[in-house]
Every structure is written in structure tokens, then in C-alpha cells.
Amino acid sequence: MSPRLAALLRAVNVGGRPLQMAALRSCLEQAGYRDVTTILASGNVLLRSPIHPPEQLEQQLSALIEDRFGLRSAVVVRRHDQLATALATHPFADAESQPSRLHIAFFQRAPAPERIARLDPDPSPPDRVSVIGSEAYLHYPAGSARTKLTLGWLERQLDAVGTVRNLNTVTRLVALTAPEAGS
């Protein structure tokens, strides 16, 4: 059986971009994906797919969503081991007792090293960012509502496409994509 993957959709059900999760599940099942589940209403989809290259799956899911719902949304796909590593790697996790103030930006591809080297690590004090591989780790001590350290800013600085989840959501995705989680 193919592994359960997490497909993370960018910017759904925010800013006037509605997408009903039940309709999305139905659409994906009709398209041949198996074991489709959505988590929360923010574009977290768990599924099994025979498509192995993540880039191909990301493109196919994005095209399907645009075709069916008229919504352009980048999709980032991660396996269980990638999610677990991202969670364990968070460099600010020990600094915050509230996981909702810790986030991970998942990028489709790792940003170029020269882009990462030029990134201001302290663009919106007291907020912090650290880029490791294809993830940016974020710490918002006062919450993320008023930060200048946004996904849009990161995408422009790093020339990368991604989506952000808080640590509570990532923890849940890790548990639900684990091989022992089953279907």
C-alpha cells in the first residue's frame, strides 16, 4: 500500500477564498485518490496516491482544484518522515510553551542557498525565522496577527512557493500520516 501523504494547500478558506472540505474530499476521491481525509478547514489533506514524484502530485492536485473549484492554490506534499523531521528540527520549539506561536513554512522546493544567506533573520522583532532545507521555522512570541514576517515576505525573499502551519497542526499531521495510523 502506498504511504499516506499530507497535501498542504496554500491560502484556502482565508481572504475570501472558500473551499468546502467535503467537496474537496469528494473531488479527490472521484479523481482516484484513496484514503482521503481533510484536517481542519485550512487545506490539510491526507491521501494515498500512486503518483510518486511529489512535484507531479503537487501540480496535479493544484490543477484539479483550479479546474473543479476555480481556485488557484499551490500545493505542498510531504511524507510522514519529512513532517516528523520538520517538527523535530524546529529551532525555536524550546523557547515557547504555546505551540500555536510556532509555525513551519513548507516550501515546494528548498530555497537557493544564496537567497537563504541574504535573508534578514530578524525582520520583525521579536519574531524570528530560520530556514533549514525546504522549511522556514517561525516563532511569533506575541502571536502572528501583526507580524511583518509573513509567508508573502518569505516567498519574495526566498523566491519560493509555500504554505504555513502552526505546530499544533504539524503535530497532528505527523500522527495521522504515521504508518501505524492506518486508514
Foldseek 3Di string as FASTA:
>chain_A
DAFKKKKAKADEPPPPRHDDPVVLQVLVVVVPWAPWDADDRRRIIITGDPDPDQVVVQVVSQVSCCVPPVGRIGIAMDALVVLVCVLVPQPCVVVDPDQQQKKKWAWNFFFDPVLQVPDDQPPWPPKGWHGDGRMIIIGHPPHDPPTPPDPVVVCVSRVTDTHMDTSVVSVVVSVCRDPVVPD
